[in-house]
């Protein structure tokens, strides 16, 4: 067999093995910055709200509508969707993005830390 043919067969075998490996690995551990969030928010499916809402599965949903938490009228009326851009602004300064919301968090100024939290929230599904 030629080297090219062997390479193609090996590649096909690796692809088939990866496809049959089973379900994806569970979400990674939360970033260290999550400790600040965990004071007020839970992150497990079915966990009760704390001072703030459970954040499991919120990515991609509208703000103020998912779960049983009693959100402020300002947040419910915001119409904002929890996507990368909105979460970045929210985590930087919640009071500026939605004046009148109930979140007392002053904001996270480091863009890299915000990006870590956003990436983590995406895994909670």
PDB file of N, CA and C in Angstrom:
ATOM      1  N   UNK A   1       0.833  -1.187   0.000  1.00  0.00           N
ATOM      2  CA  UNK A   1       0.000   0.000   0.000  1.00  0.00           C
ATOM      3  C   UNK A   1       0.872   1.243   0.000  1.00  0.00           C
ATOM      4  N   UNK A   2       0.365   2.262  -0.591  1.00  0.00           N
ATOM      5  CA  UNK A   2       1.122   3.507  -0.618  1.00  0.00           C
ATOM      6  C   UNK A   2       0.972   4.242   0.707  1.00  0.00           C
ATOM      7  N   UNK A   3       1.887   5.136   0.946  1.00  0.00           N
ATOM      8  CA  UNK A   3       1.860   5.931   2.176  1.00  0.00           C
ATOM      9  C   UNK A   3       0.578   6.753   2.254  1.00  0.00           C
ATOM     10  N   UNK A   4       0.142   7.301   1.140  1.00  0.00           N
ATOM     11  CA  UNK A   4      -1.072   8.095   1.116  1.00  0.00           C
ATOM     12  C   UNK A   4      -2.283   7.242   1.483  1.00  0.00           C
ATOM     13  N   UNK A   5      -2.363   6.042   0.922  1.00  0.00           N
ATOM     14  CA  UNK A   5      -3.489   5.166   1.212  1.00  0.00           C
ATOM     15  C   UNK A   5      -3.500   4.792   2.696  1.00  0.00           C
ATOM     16  N   UNK A   6      -2.343   4.497   3.277  1.00  0.00           N
ATOM     17  CA  UNK A   6      -2.247   4.168   4.702  1.00  0.00           C
ATOM     18  C   UNK A   6      -2.694   5.342   5.561  1.00  0.00           C
ATOM     19  N   UNK A   7      -2.301   6.539   5.172  1.00  0.00           N
ATOM     20  CA  UNK A   7      -2.682   7.735   5.931  1.00  0.00           C
ATOM     21  C   UNK A   7      -4.193   7.937   5.884  1.00  0.00           C
ATOM     22  N   UNK A   8      -4.796   7.719   4.726  1.00  0.00           N
ATOM     23  CA  UNK A   8      -6.250   7.867   4.590  1.00  0.00           C
ATOM     24  C   UNK A   8      -6.998   6.837   5.438  1.00  0.00           C
ATOM     25  N   UNK A   9      -6.532   5.607   5.433  1.00  0.00           N
ATOM     26  CA  UNK A   9      -7.164   4.556   6.233  1.00  0.00           C
ATOM     27  C   UNK A   9      -7.030   4.867   7.717  1.00  0.00           C
ATOM     28  N   UNK A  10      -5.851   5.293   8.142  1.00  0.00           N
ATOM     29  CA  UNK A  10      -5.634   5.634   9.552  1.00  0.00           C
ATOM     30  C   UNK A  10      -6.536   6.790   9.967  1.00  0.00           C
ATOM     31  N   UNK A  11      -6.665   7.793   9.113  1.00  0.00           N
ATOM     32  CA  UNK A  11      -7.531   8.939   9.419  1.00  0.00           C
ATOM     33  C   UNK A  11      -8.987   8.521   9.544  1.00  0.00           C
ATOM     34  N   UNK A  12      -9.442   7.654   8.669  1.00  0.00           N
ATOM     35  CA  UNK A  12     -10.821   7.173   8.728  1.00  0.00           C
ATOM     36  C   UNK A  12     -11.065   6.373  10.004  1.00  0.00           C
ATOM     37  N   UNK A  13     -10.077   5.561  10.403  1.00  0.00           N
ATOM     38  CA  UNK A  13     -10.221   4.773  11.630  1.00  0.00           C
ATOM     39  C   UNK A  13     -10.289   5.679  12.860  1.00  0.00           C
ATOM     40  N   UNK A  14      -9.469   6.729  12.891  1.00  0.00           N
ATOM     41  CA  UNK A  14      -9.497   7.665  14.017  1.00  0.00           C
ATOM     42  C   UNK A  14     -10.837   8.393  14.085  1.00  0.00           C
ATOM     43  N   UNK A  15     -11.366   8.803  12.936  1.00  0.00           N
ATOM     44  CA  UNK A  15     -12.651   9.486  12.902  1.00  0.00           C
ATOM     45  C   UNK A  15     -13.760   8.569  13.402  1.00  0.00           C
ATOM     46  N   UNK A  16     -13.761   7.324  12.978  1.00  0.00           N
ATOM     47  CA  UNK A  16     -14.780   6.374  13.415  1.00  0.00           C
ATOM     48  C   UNK A  16     -14.670   6.108  14.913  1.00  0.00           C
ATOM     49  N   UNK A  17     -13.458   5.994  15.417  1.00  0.00           N
ATOM     50  CA  UNK A  17     -13.250   5.760  16.849  1.00  0.00           C
ATOM     51  C   UNK A  17     -13.752   6.937  17.659  1.00  0.00           C
ATOM     52  N   UNK A  18     -13.463   8.169  17.221  1.00  0.00           N
ATOM     53  CA  UNK A  18     -13.898   9.364  17.947  1.00  0.00           C
ATOM     54  C   UNK A  18     -15.412   9.472  17.933  1.00  0.00           C
ATOM     55  N   UNK A  19     -16.042   9.134  16.817  1.00  0.00           N
ATOM     56  CA  UNK A  19     -17.499   9.238  16.716  1.00  0.00           C
ATOM     57  C   UNK A  19     -18.204   8.228  17.612  1.00  0.00           C
ATOM     58  N   UNK A  20     -17.581   7.083  17.870  1.00  0.00           N
ATOM     59  CA  UNK A  20     -18.226   6.066  18.687  1.00  0.00           C
ATOM     60  C   UNK A  20     -17.753   6.087  20.137  1.00  0.00           C
ATOM     61  N   UNK A  21     -17.020   7.117  20.520  1.00  0.00           N
ATOM     62  CA  UNK A  21     -16.448   7.182  21.863  1.00  0.00           C
ATOM     63  C   UNK A  21     -17.497   7.403  22.942  1.00  0.00           C
ATOM     64  N   UNK A  22     -18.713   7.783  22.580  1.00  0.00           N
ATOM     65  CA  UNK A  22     -19.750   7.984  23.577  1.00  0.00           C
ATOM     66  C   UNK A  22     -20.027   9.453  23.802  1.00  0.00           C
ATOM     67  N   UNK A  23     -20.766   9.752  24.879  1.00  0.00           N
ATOM     68  CA  UNK A  23     -21.159  11.130  25.129  1.00  0.00           C
ATOM     69  C   UNK A  23     -19.955  12.018  25.440  1.00  0.00           C
ATOM     70  N   UNK A  24     -20.163  13.305  25.225  1.00  0.00           N
ATOM     71  CA  UNK A  24     -19.102  14.268  25.503  1.00  0.00           C
ATOM     72  C   UNK A  24     -18.791  14.309  26.997  1.00  0.00           C
ATOM     73  N   UNK A  25     -17.608  14.741  27.309  1.00  0.00           N
ATOM     74  CA  UNK A  25     -17.194  14.854  28.708  1.00  0.00           C
ATOM     75  C   UNK A  25     -18.064  15.886  29.422  1.00  0.00           C
ATOM     76  N   UNK A  26     -18.260  15.725  30.728  1.00  0.00           N
ATOM     77  CA  UNK A  26     -19.056  16.700  31.463  1.00  0.00           C
ATOM     78  C   UNK A  26     -18.376  18.057  31.456  1.00  0.00           C
ATOM     79  N   UNK A  27     -19.141  19.118  31.761  1.00  0.00           N
ATOM     80  CA  UNK A  27     -18.545  20.450  31.766  1.00  0.00           C
ATOM     81  C   UNK A  27     -17.341  20.514  32.701  1.00  0.00           C
ATOM     82  N   UNK A  28     -16.421  21.354  32.342  1.00  0.00           N
ATOM     83  CA  UNK A  28     -15.225  21.503  33.161  1.00  0.00           C
ATOM     84  C   UNK A  28     -15.556  22.202  34.476  1.00  0.00           C
ATOM     85  N   UNK A  29     -14.612  22.166  35.364  1.00  0.00           N
ATOM     86  CA  UNK A  29     -14.785  22.827  36.651  1.00  0.00           C
ATOM     87  C   UNK A  29     -14.932  24.330  36.417  1.00  0.00           C
ATOM     88  N   UNK A  30     -15.654  24.991  37.287  1.00  0.00           N
ATOM     89  CA  UNK A  30     -15.828  26.434  37.101  1.00  0.00           C
ATOM     90  C   UNK A  30     -14.502  27.182  37.277  1.00  0.00           C
ATOM     91  N   UNK A  31     -14.377  28.330  36.618  1.00  0.00           N
ATOM     92  CA  UNK A  31     -13.164  29.121  36.809  1.00  0.00           C
ATOM     93  C   UNK A  31     -13.135  29.687  38.226  1.00  0.00           C
ATOM     94  N   UNK A  32     -11.968  30.098  38.671  1.00  0.00           N
ATOM     95  CA  UNK A  32     -11.841  30.615  40.036  1.00  0.00           C
ATOM     96  C   UNK A  32     -12.760  31.810  40.286  1.00  0.00           C
ATOM     97  N   UNK A  33     -13.035  32.581  39.271  1.00  0.00           N
ATOM     98  CA  UNK A  33     -13.909  33.745  39.413  1.00  0.00           C
ATOM     99  C   UNK A  33     -15.334  33.341  39.778  1.00  0.00           C
ATOM    100  N   UNK A  34     -15.717  32.098  39.485  1.00  0.00           N
ATOM    101  CA  UNK A  34     -17.075  31.632  39.815  1.00  0.00           C
ATOM    102  C   UNK A  34     -17.350  31.742  41.314  1.00  0.00           C
ATOM    103  N   UNK A  35     -16.334  31.660  42.148  1.00  0.00           N
ATOM    104  CA  UNK A  35     -16.523  31.740  43.602  1.00  0.00           C
ATOM    105  C   UNK A  35     -17.273  33.016  43.980  1.00  0.00           C
ATOM    106  N   UNK A  36     -17.016  34.101  43.276  1.00  0.00           N
ATOM    107  CA  UNK A  36     -17.740  35.356  43.540  1.00  0.00           C
ATOM    108  C   UNK A  36     -19.212  35.214  43.173  1.00  0.00           C
ATOM    109  N   UNK A  37     -19.502  34.489  42.129  1.00  0.00           N
ATOM    110  CA  UNK A  37     -20.883  34.291  41.678  1.00  0.00           C
ATOM    111  C   UNK A  37     -21.626  33.323  42.604  1.00  0.00           C
ATOM    112  N   UNK A  38     -20.908  32.289  43.048  1.00  0.00           N
ATOM    113  CA  UNK A  38     -21.513  31.217  43.844  1.00  0.00           C
ATOM    114  C   UNK A  38     -22.046  31.698  45.185  1.00  0.00           C
ATOM    115  N   UNK A  39     -21.617  32.859  45.630  1.00  0.00           N
ATOM    116  CA  UNK A  39     -22.158  33.419  46.870  1.00  0.00           C
ATOM    117  C   UNK A  39     -23.671  33.633  46.717  1.00  0.00           C
ATOM    118  N   UNK A  40     -24.093  34.042  45.546  1.00  0.00           N
ATOM    119  CA  UNK A  40     -25.509  34.375  45.317  1.00  0.00           C
ATOM    120  C   UNK A  40     -26.232  33.457  44.335  1.00  0.00           C
ATOM    121  N   UNK A  41     -25.489  32.698  43.531  1.00  0.00           N
ATOM    122  CA  UNK A  41     -26.096  31.896  42.463  1.00  0.00           C
ATOM    123  C   UNK A  41     -25.711  30.425  42.570  1.00  0.00           C
ATOM    124  N   UNK A  42     -26.677  29.554  42.304  1.00  0.00           N
ATOM    125  CA  UNK A  42     -26.371  28.134  42.157  1.00  0.00           C
ATOM    126  C   UNK A  42     -26.118  27.871  40.676  1.00  0.00           C
ATOM    127  N   UNK A  43     -25.533  26.704  40.374  1.00  0.00           N
ATOM    128  CA  UNK A  43     -25.179  26.391  38.989  1.00  0.00           C
ATOM    129  C   UNK A  43     -25.497  24.945  38.611  1.00  0.00           C
ATOM    130  N   UNK A  44     -26.308  24.271  39.407  1.00  0.00           N
ATOM    131  CA  UNK A  44     -26.640  22.871  39.130  1.00  0.00           C
ATOM    132  C   UNK A  44     -28.098  22.751  38.692  1.00  0.00           C
ATOM    133  N   UNK A  45     -28.330  21.838  37.777  1.00  0.00           N
ATOM    134  CA  UNK A  45     -29.687  21.604  37.283  1.00  0.00           C
ATOM    135  C   UNK A  45     -30.603  21.262  38.459  1.00  0.00           C
ATOM    136  N   UNK A  46     -31.705  21.985  38.575  1.00  0.00           N
ATOM    137  CA  UNK A  46     -32.695  21.716  39.610  1.00  0.00           C
ATOM    138  C   UNK A  46     -32.363  22.289  40.976  1.00  0.00           C
ATOM    139  N   UNK A  47     -31.201  22.911  41.121  1.00  0.00           N
ATOM    140  CA  UNK A  47     -30.838  23.499  42.420  1.00  0.00           C
ATOM    141  C   UNK A  47     -31.727  24.715  42.685  1.00  0.00           C
ATOM    142  N   UNK A  48     -32.010  24.974  43.947  1.00  0.00           N
ATOM    143  CA  UNK A  48     -32.848  26.133  44.254  1.00  0.00           C
ATOM    144  C   UNK A  48     -32.111  27.447  44.010  1.00  0.00           C
ATOM    145  N   UNK A  49     -32.896  28.502  43.836  1.00  0.00           N
ATOM    146  CA  UNK A  49     -32.322  29.837  43.745  1.00  0.00           C
ATOM    147  C   UNK A  49     -31.691  30.172  45.084  1.00  0.00           C
ATOM    148  N   UNK A  50     -30.725  31.039  45.062  1.00  0.00           N
ATOM    149  CA  UNK A  50     -30.141  31.578  46.293  1.00  0.00           C
ATOM    150  C   UNK A  50     -30.617  33.027  46.381  1.00  0.00           C
ATOM    151  N   UNK A  51     -29.760  33.926  46.774  1.00  0.00           N
ATOM    152  CA  UNK A  51     -30.108  35.350  46.764  1.00  0.00           C
ATOM    153  C   UNK A  51     -30.406  35.778  45.327  1.00  0.00           C
ATOM    154  N   UNK A  52     -29.718  35.165  44.386  1.00  0.00           N
ATOM    155  CA  UNK A  52     -29.936  35.385  42.966  1.00  0.00           C
ATOM    156  C   UNK A  52     -30.425  34.094  42.319  1.00  0.00           C
ATOM    157  N   UNK A  53     -30.781  34.155  41.047  1.00  0.00           N
ATOM    158  CA  UNK A  53     -31.327  32.972  40.366  1.00  0.00           C
ATOM    159  C   UNK A  53     -30.287  31.893  40.102  1.00  0.00           C
ATOM    160  N   UNK A  54     -30.761  30.662  39.958  1.00  0.00           N
ATOM    161  CA  UNK A  54     -29.922  29.555  39.517  1.00  0.00           C
ATOM    162  C   UNK A  54     -29.509  29.869  38.074  1.00  0.00           C
ATOM    163  N   UNK A  55     -28.240  29.731  37.759  1.00  0.00           N
ATOM    164  CA  UNK A  55     -27.744  30.084  36.432  1.00  0.00           C
ATOM    165  C   UNK A  55     -27.588  28.891  35.494  1.00  0.00           C
ATOM    166  N   UNK A  56     -28.054  27.724  35.922  1.00  0.00           N
ATOM    167  CA  UNK A  56     -27.979  26.543  35.065  1.00  0.00           C
ATOM    168  C   UNK A  56     -28.890  26.743  33.851  1.00  0.00           C
ATOM    169  N   UNK A  57     -28.339  26.622  32.667  1.00  0.00           N
ATOM    170  CA  UNK A  57     -29.125  26.670  31.441  1.00  0.00           C
ATOM    171  C   UNK A  57     -29.621  28.040  31.022  1.00  0.00           C
ATOM    172  N   UNK A  58     -29.082  29.117  31.591  1.00  0.00           N
ATOM    173  CA  UNK A  58     -29.589  30.441  31.236  1.00  0.00           C
ATOM    174  C   UNK A  58     -29.011  30.985  29.932  1.00  0.00           C
ATOM    175  N   UNK A  59     -27.831  30.505  29.540  1.00  0.00           N
ATOM    176  CA  UNK A  59     -27.200  31.045  28.330  1.00  0.00           C
ATOM    177  C   UNK A  59     -28.135  30.875  27.132  1.00  0.00           C
ATOM    178  N   UNK A  60     -28.316  31.963  26.397  1.00  0.00           N
ATOM    179  CA  UNK A  60     -29.153  31.944  25.199  1.00  0.00           C
ATOM    180  C   UNK A  60     -30.603  32.324  25.451  1.00  0.00           C
ATOM    181  N   UNK A  61     -31.006  32.424  26.713  1.00  0.00           N
ATOM    182  CA  UNK A  61     -32.389  32.798  27.041  1.00  0.00           C
ATOM    183  C   UNK A  61     -32.498  34.299  27.276  1.00  0.00           C
ATOM    184  N   UNK A  62     -33.721  34.798  27.284  1.00  0.00           N
ATOM    185  CA  UNK A  62     -33.942  36.200  27.625  1.00  0.00           C
ATOM    186  C   UNK A  62     -33.705  36.399  29.112  1.00  0.00           C
ATOM    187  N   UNK A  63     -33.205  37.559  29.452  1.00  0.00           N
ATOM    188  CA  UNK A  63     -32.959  37.891  30.850  1.00  0.00           C
ATOM    189  C   UNK A  63     -34.292  38.048  31.582  1.00  0.00           C
ATOM    190  N   UNK A  64     -34.313  37.541  32.805  1.00  0.00           N
ATOM    191  CA  UNK A  64     -35.460  37.777  33.660  1.00  0.00           C
ATOM    192  C   UNK A  64     -36.672  36.905  33.426  1.00  0.00           C
ATOM    193  N   UNK A  65     -36.533  35.825  32.666  1.00  0.00           N
ATOM    194  CA  UNK A  65     -37.711  34.990  32.402  1.00  0.00           C
ATOM    195  C   UNK A  65     -37.532  33.518  32.747  1.00  0.00           C
ATOM    196  N   UNK A  66     -36.301  33.035  32.842  1.00  0.00           N
ATOM    197  CA  UNK A  66     -36.076  31.605  33.062  1.00  0.00           C
ATOM    198  C   UNK A  66     -36.033  31.284  34.550  1.00  0.00           C
ATOM    199  N   UNK A  67     -36.724  30.233  34.940  1.00  0.00           N
ATOM    200  CA  UNK A  67     -36.685  29.789  36.326  1.00  0.00           C
ATOM    201  C   UNK A  67     -37.777  30.391  37.189  1.00  0.00           C
ATOM    202  N   UNK A  68     -37.597  30.229  38.485  1.00  0.00           N
ATOM    203  CA  UNK A  68     -38.625  30.658  39.440  1.00  0.00           C
ATOM    204  C   UNK A  68     -38.235  31.908  40.213  1.00  0.00           C
ATOM    205  N   UNK A  69     -37.080  32.462  39.950  1.00  0.00           N
ATOM    206  CA  UNK A  69     -36.612  33.641  40.668  1.00  0.00           C
ATOM    207  C   UNK A  69     -37.521  34.842  40.390  1.00  0.00           C
ATOM    208  N   UNK A  70     -37.714  35.689  41.400  1.00  0.00           N
ATOM    209  CA  UNK A  70     -38.526  36.897  41.239  1.00  0.00           C
ATOM    210  C   UNK A  70     -37.621  38.034  40.738  1.00  0.00           C
ATOM    211  N   UNK A  71     -37.549  38.174  39.435  1.00  0.00           N
ATOM    212  CA  UNK A  71     -36.711  39.191  38.810  1.00  0.00           C
ATOM    213  C   UNK A  71     -37.347  40.572  38.936  1.00  0.00           C
ATOM    214  N   UNK A  72     -36.523  41.604  38.888  1.00  0.00           N
ATOM    215  CA  UNK A  72     -37.023  42.975  38.905  1.00  0.00           C
ATOM    216  C   UNK A  72     -37.786  43.255  37.614  1.00  0.00           C
ATOM    217  N   UNK A  73     -38.698  44.198  37.686  1.00  0.00           N
ATOM    218  CA  UNK A  73     -39.434  44.593  36.481  1.00  0.00           C
ATOM    219  C   UNK A  73     -38.471  45.127  35.421  1.00  0.00           C
ATOM    220  N   UNK A  74     -37.456  45.857  35.857  1.00  0.00           N
ATOM    221  CA  UNK A  74     -36.484  46.410  34.907  1.00  0.00           C
ATOM    222  C   UNK A  74     -35.820  45.298  34.103  1.00  0.00           C
ATOM    223  N   UNK A  75     -35.456  44.214  34.779  1.00  0.00           N
ATOM    224  CA  UNK A  75     -34.795  43.111  34.085  1.00  0.00           C
ATOM    225  C   UNK A  75     -35.771  42.376  33.172  1.00  0.00           C
ATOM    226  N   UNK A  76     -36.987  42.146  33.672  1.00  0.00           N
ATOM    227  CA  UNK A  76     -37.984  41.451  32.848  1.00  0.00           C
ATOM    228  C   UNK A  76     -38.326  42.245  31.592  1.00  0.00           C
ATOM    229  N   UNK A  77     -38.343  43.553  31.694  1.00  0.00           N
ATOM    230  CA  UNK A  77     -38.713  44.405  30.559  1.00  0.00           C
ATOM    231  C   UNK A  77     -37.540  44.724  29.643  1.00  0.00           C
ATOM    232  N   UNK A  78     -36.334  44.334  30.037  1.00  0.00           N
ATOM    233  CA  UNK A  78     -35.141  44.688  29.253  1.00  0.00           C
ATOM    234  C   UNK A  78     -35.153  44.070  27.864  1.00  0.00           C
ATOM    235  N   UNK A  79     -35.716  42.875  27.729  1.00  0.00           N
ATOM    236  CA  UNK A  79     -35.741  42.199  26.437  1.00  0.00           C
ATOM    237  C   UNK A  79     -34.381  41.693  25.986  1.00  0.00           C
ATOM    238  N   UNK A  80     -33.393  41.751  26.867  1.00  0.00           N
ATOM    239  CA  UNK A  80     -32.047  41.332  26.497  1.00  0.00           C
ATOM    240  C   UNK A  80     -31.912  39.814  26.516  1.00  0.00           C
ATOM    241  N   UNK A  81     -31.097  39.312  25.590  1.00  0.00           N
ATOM    242  CA  UNK A  81     -30.825  37.882  25.502  1.00  0.00           C
ATOM    243  C   UNK A  81     -29.452  37.603  26.101  1.00  0.00           C
ATOM    244  N   UNK A  82     -29.330  36.538  26.866  1.00  0.00           N
ATOM    245  CA  UNK A  82     -28.066  36.180  27.506  1.00  0.00           C
ATOM    246  C   UNK A  82     -27.136  35.504  26.500  1.00  0.00           C
ATOM    247  N   UNK A  83     -26.517  36.336  25.674  1.00  0.00           N
ATOM    248  CA  UNK A  83     -25.524  35.869  24.711  1.00  0.00           C
ATOM    249  C   UNK A  83     -24.167  36.441  25.123  1.00  0.00           C
ATOM    250  N   UNK A  84     -23.146  36.188  24.346  1.00  0.00           N
ATOM    251  CA  UNK A  84     -21.800  36.637  24.710  1.00  0.00           C
ATOM    252  C   UNK A  84     -21.722  38.149  24.929  1.00  0.00           C
ATOM    253  N   UNK A  85     -22.257  38.923  23.987  1.00  0.00           N
ATOM    254  CA  UNK A  85     -22.144  40.380  24.065  1.00  0.00           C
ATOM    255  C   UNK A  85     -22.889  40.936  25.278  1.00  0.00           C
ATOM    256  N   UNK A  86     -24.112  40.458  25.496  1.00  0.00           N
ATOM    257  CA  UNK A  86     -24.901  40.951  26.624  1.00  0.00           C
ATOM    258  C   UNK A  86     -24.279  40.536  27.945  1.00  0.00           C
ATOM    259  N   UNK A  87     -23.856  39.287  28.049  1.00  0.00           N
ATOM    260  CA  UNK A  87     -23.231  38.828  29.291  1.00  0.00           C
ATOM    261  C   UNK A  87     -21.949  39.598  29.589  1.00  0.00           C
ATOM    262  N   UNK A  88     -21.191  39.926  28.569  1.00  0.00           N
ATOM    263  CA  UNK A  88     -19.973  40.691  28.792  1.00  0.00           C
ATOM    264  C   UNK A  88     -20.304  42.055  29.396  1.00  0.00           C
ATOM    265  N   UNK A  89     -21.286  42.732  28.840  1.00  0.00           N
ATOM    266  CA  UNK A  89     -21.697  44.042  29.375  1.00  0.00           C
ATOM    267  C   UNK A  89     -22.305  43.900  30.760  1.00  0.00           C
ATOM    268  N   UNK A  90     -23.101  42.858  30.967  1.00  0.00           N
ATOM    269  CA  UNK A  90     -23.749  42.609  32.257  1.00  0.00           C
ATOM    270  C   UNK A  90     -22.706  42.365  33.348  1.00  0.00           C
ATOM    271  N   UNK A  91     -21.756  41.494  33.057  1.00  0.00           N
ATOM    272  CA  UNK A  91     -20.735  41.175  34.052  1.00  0.00           C
ATOM    273  C   UNK A  91     -19.799  42.353  34.310  1.00  0.00           C
ATOM    274  N   UNK A  92     -19.639  43.212  33.337  1.00  0.00           N
ATOM    275  CA  UNK A  92     -18.793  44.391  33.530  1.00  0.00           C
ATOM    276  C   UNK A  92     -19.464  45.413  34.440  1.00  0.00           C
ATOM    277  N   UNK A  93     -20.777  45.621  34.248  1.00  0.00           N
ATOM    278  CA  UNK A  93     -21.476  46.617  35.051  1.00  0.00           C
ATOM    279  C   UNK A  93     -22.991  46.395  34.953  1.00  0.00           C
ATOM    280  N   UNK A  94     -23.546  45.530  35.814  1.00  0.00           N
ATOM    281  CA  UNK A  94     -24.975  45.226  35.732  1.00  0.00           C
ATOM    282  C   UNK A  94     -25.877  46.447  35.896  1.00  0.00           C
ATOM    283  N   UNK A  95     -25.517  47.370  36.781  1.00  0.00           N
ATOM    284  CA  UNK A  95     -26.350  48.551  37.020  1.00  0.00           C
ATOM    285  C   UNK A  95     -26.395  49.471  35.804  1.00  0.00           C
ATOM    286  N   UNK A  96     -25.314  49.519  35.049  1.00  0.00           N
ATOM    287  CA  UNK A  96     -25.287  50.358  33.852  1.00  0.00           C
ATOM    288  C   UNK A  96     -26.097  49.732  32.726  1.00  0.00           C
ATOM    289  N   UNK A  97     -25.994  48.412  32.572  1.00  0.00           N
ATOM    290  CA  UNK A  97     -26.712  47.750  31.484  1.00  0.00           C
ATOM    291  C   UNK A  97     -28.217  47.770  31.713  1.00  0.00           C
ATOM    292  N   UNK A  98     -28.639  47.464  32.934  1.00  0.00           N
ATOM    293  CA  UNK A  98     -30.078  47.448  33.255  1.00  0.00           C
ATOM    294  C   UNK A  98     -30.287  48.203  34.572  1.00  0.00           C
ATOM    295  N   UNK A  99     -30.445  49.517  34.491  1.00  0.00           N
ATOM    296  CA  UNK A  99     -30.710  50.278  35.716  1.00  0.00           C
ATOM    297  C   UNK A  99     -31.985  49.765  36.397  1.00  0.00           C
ATOM    298  N   UNK A 100     -31.926  49.652  37.708  1.00  0.00           N
ATOM    299  CA  UNK A 100     -33.093  49.192  38.462  1.00  0.00           C
ATOM    300  C   UNK A 100     -33.138  47.691  38.684  1.00  0.00           C
ATOM    301  N   UNK A 101     -32.101  46.958  38.249  1.00  0.00           N
ATOM    302  CA  UNK A 101     -32.095  45.516  38.512  1.00  0.00           C
ATOM    303  C   UNK A 101     -31.699  45.287  39.969  1.00  0.00           C
ATOM    304  N   UNK A 102     -31.879  44.073  40.462  1.00  0.00           N
ATOM    305  CA  UNK A 102     -31.613  43.766  41.869  1.00  0.00           C
ATOM    306  C   UNK A 102     -30.209  43.247  42.162  1.00  0.00           C
ATOM    307  N   UNK A 103     -29.391  43.084  41.151  1.00  0.00           N
ATOM    308  CA  UNK A 103     -28.067  42.514  41.365  1.00  0.00           C
ATOM    309  C   UNK A 103     -27.138  43.569  41.958  1.00  0.00           C
ATOM    310  N   UNK A 104     -26.622  43.282  43.147  1.00  0.00           N
ATOM    311  CA  UNK A 104     -25.771  44.257  43.829  1.00  0.00           C
ATOM    312  C   UNK A 104     -24.297  44.122  43.451  1.00  0.00           C
ATOM    313  N   UNK A 105     -23.973  43.200  42.586  1.00  0.00           N
ATOM    314  CA  UNK A 105     -22.597  42.979  42.138  1.00  0.00           C
ATOM    315  C   UNK A 105     -22.086  44.225  41.417  1.00  0.00           C
ATOM    316  N   UNK A 106     -20.914  44.751  41.831  1.00  0.00           N
ATOM    317  CA  UNK A 106     -20.414  45.990  41.220  1.00  0.00           C
ATOM    318  C   UNK A 106     -19.849  45.812  39.819  1.00  0.00           C
ATOM    319  N   UNK A 107     -19.553  44.596  39.429  1.00  0.00           N
ATOM    320  CA  UNK A 107     -19.017  44.352  38.098  1.00  0.00           C
ATOM    321  C   UNK A 107     -17.618  43.780  38.144  1.00  0.00           C
ATOM    322  N   UNK A 108     -17.249  43.182  37.044  1.00  0.00           N
ATOM    323  CA  UNK A 108     -15.935  42.554  36.895  1.00  0.00           C
ATOM    324  C   UNK A 108     -15.230  43.280  35.751  1.00  0.00           C
ATOM    325  N   UNK A 109     -14.196  44.008  36.075  1.00  0.00           N
ATOM    326  CA  UNK A 109     -13.547  44.876  35.082  1.00  0.00           C
ATOM    327  C   UNK A 109     -12.605  44.133  34.133  1.00  0.00           C
ATOM    328  N   UNK A 110     -12.098  42.980  34.512  1.00  0.00           N
ATOM    329  CA  UNK A 110     -11.141  42.238  33.702  1.00  0.00           C
ATOM    330  C   UNK A 110     -11.855  41.480  32.574  1.00  0.00           C
ATOM    331  N   UNK A 111     -11.644  41.853  31.304  1.00  0.00           N
ATOM    332  CA  UNK A 111     -12.317  41.191  30.182  1.00  0.00           C
ATOM    333  C   UNK A 111     -12.013  39.694  30.096  1.00  0.00           C
ATOM    334  N   UNK A 112     -10.809  39.285  30.465  1.00  0.00           N
ATOM    335  CA  UNK A 112     -10.448  37.866  30.404  1.00  0.00           C
ATOM    336  C   UNK A 112     -11.248  37.068  31.430  1.00  0.00           C
ATOM    337  N   UNK A 113     -11.450  37.620  32.599  1.00  0.00           N
ATOM    338  CA  UNK A 113     -12.241  36.942  33.634  1.00  0.00           C
ATOM    339  C   UNK A 113     -13.701  36.862  33.215  1.00  0.00           C
ATOM    340  N   UNK A 114     -14.205  37.919  32.591  1.00  0.00           N
ATOM    341  CA  UNK A 114     -15.586  37.879  32.086  1.00  0.00           C
ATOM    342  C   UNK A 114     -15.725  36.799  31.024  1.00  0.00           C
ATOM    343  N   UNK A 115     -14.753  36.700  30.143  1.00  0.00           N
ATOM    344  CA  UNK A 115     -14.779  35.683  29.082  1.00  0.00           C
ATOM    345  C   UNK A 115     -14.770  34.279  29.673  1.00  0.00           C
ATOM    346  N   UNK A 116     -14.000  34.058  30.735  1.00  0.00           N
ATOM    347  CA  UNK A 116     -13.983  32.753  31.408  1.00  0.00           C
ATOM    348  C   UNK A 116     -15.361  32.408  31.968  1.00  0.00           C
ATOM    349  N   UNK A 117     -15.984  33.379  32.605  1.00  0.00           N
ATOM    350  CA  UNK A 117     -17.318  33.123  33.175  1.00  0.00           C
ATOM    351  C   UNK A 117     -18.349  32.837  32.085  1.00  0.00           C
ATOM    352  N   UNK A 118     -18.287  33.583  31.011  1.00  0.00           N
ATOM    353  CA  UNK A 118     -19.223  33.369  29.903  1.00  0.00           C
ATOM    354  C   UNK A 118     -19.027  31.985  29.306  1.00  0.00           C
ATOM    355  N   UNK A 119     -17.793  31.593  29.106  1.00  0.00           N
ATOM    356  CA  UNK A 119     -17.499  30.255  28.567  1.00  0.00           C
ATOM    357  C   UNK A 119     -18.035  29.182  29.516  1.00  0.00           C
ATOM    358  N   UNK A 120     -17.884  29.399  30.803  1.00  0.00           N
ATOM    359  CA  UNK A 120     -18.385  28.447  31.784  1.00  0.00           C
ATOM    360  C   UNK A 120     -19.915  28.371  31.763  1.00  0.00           C
ATOM    361  N   UNK A 121     -20.580  29.513  31.705  1.00  0.00           N
ATOM    362  CA  UNK A 121     -22.050  29.511  31.662  1.00  0.00           C
ATOM    363  C   UNK A 121     -22.571  28.741  30.449  1.00  0.00           C
ATOM    364  N   UNK A 122     -21.843  28.785  29.359  1.00  0.00           N
ATOM    365  CA  UNK A 122     -22.239  28.032  28.157  1.00  0.00           C
ATOM    366  C   UNK A 122     -22.225  26.528  28.394  1.00  0.00           C
ATOM    367  N   UNK A 123     -21.410  26.049  29.333  1.00  0.00           N
ATOM    368  CA  UNK A 123     -21.325  24.617  29.590  1.00  0.00           C
ATOM    369  C   UNK A 123     -22.467  24.135  30.469  1.00  0.00           C
ATOM    370  N   UNK A 124     -23.174  25.030  31.105  1.00  0.00           N
ATOM    371  CA  UNK A 124     -24.227  24.643  32.059  1.00  0.00           C
ATOM    372  C   UNK A 124     -25.529  24.367  31.306  1.00  0.00           C
ATOM    373  N   UNK A 125     -25.605  23.199  30.708  1.00  0.00           N
ATOM    374  CA  UNK A 125     -26.814  22.824  29.966  1.00  0.00           C
ATOM    375  C   UNK A 125     -27.008  21.337  30.016  1.00  0.00           C
TER     376      UNK A 125
END
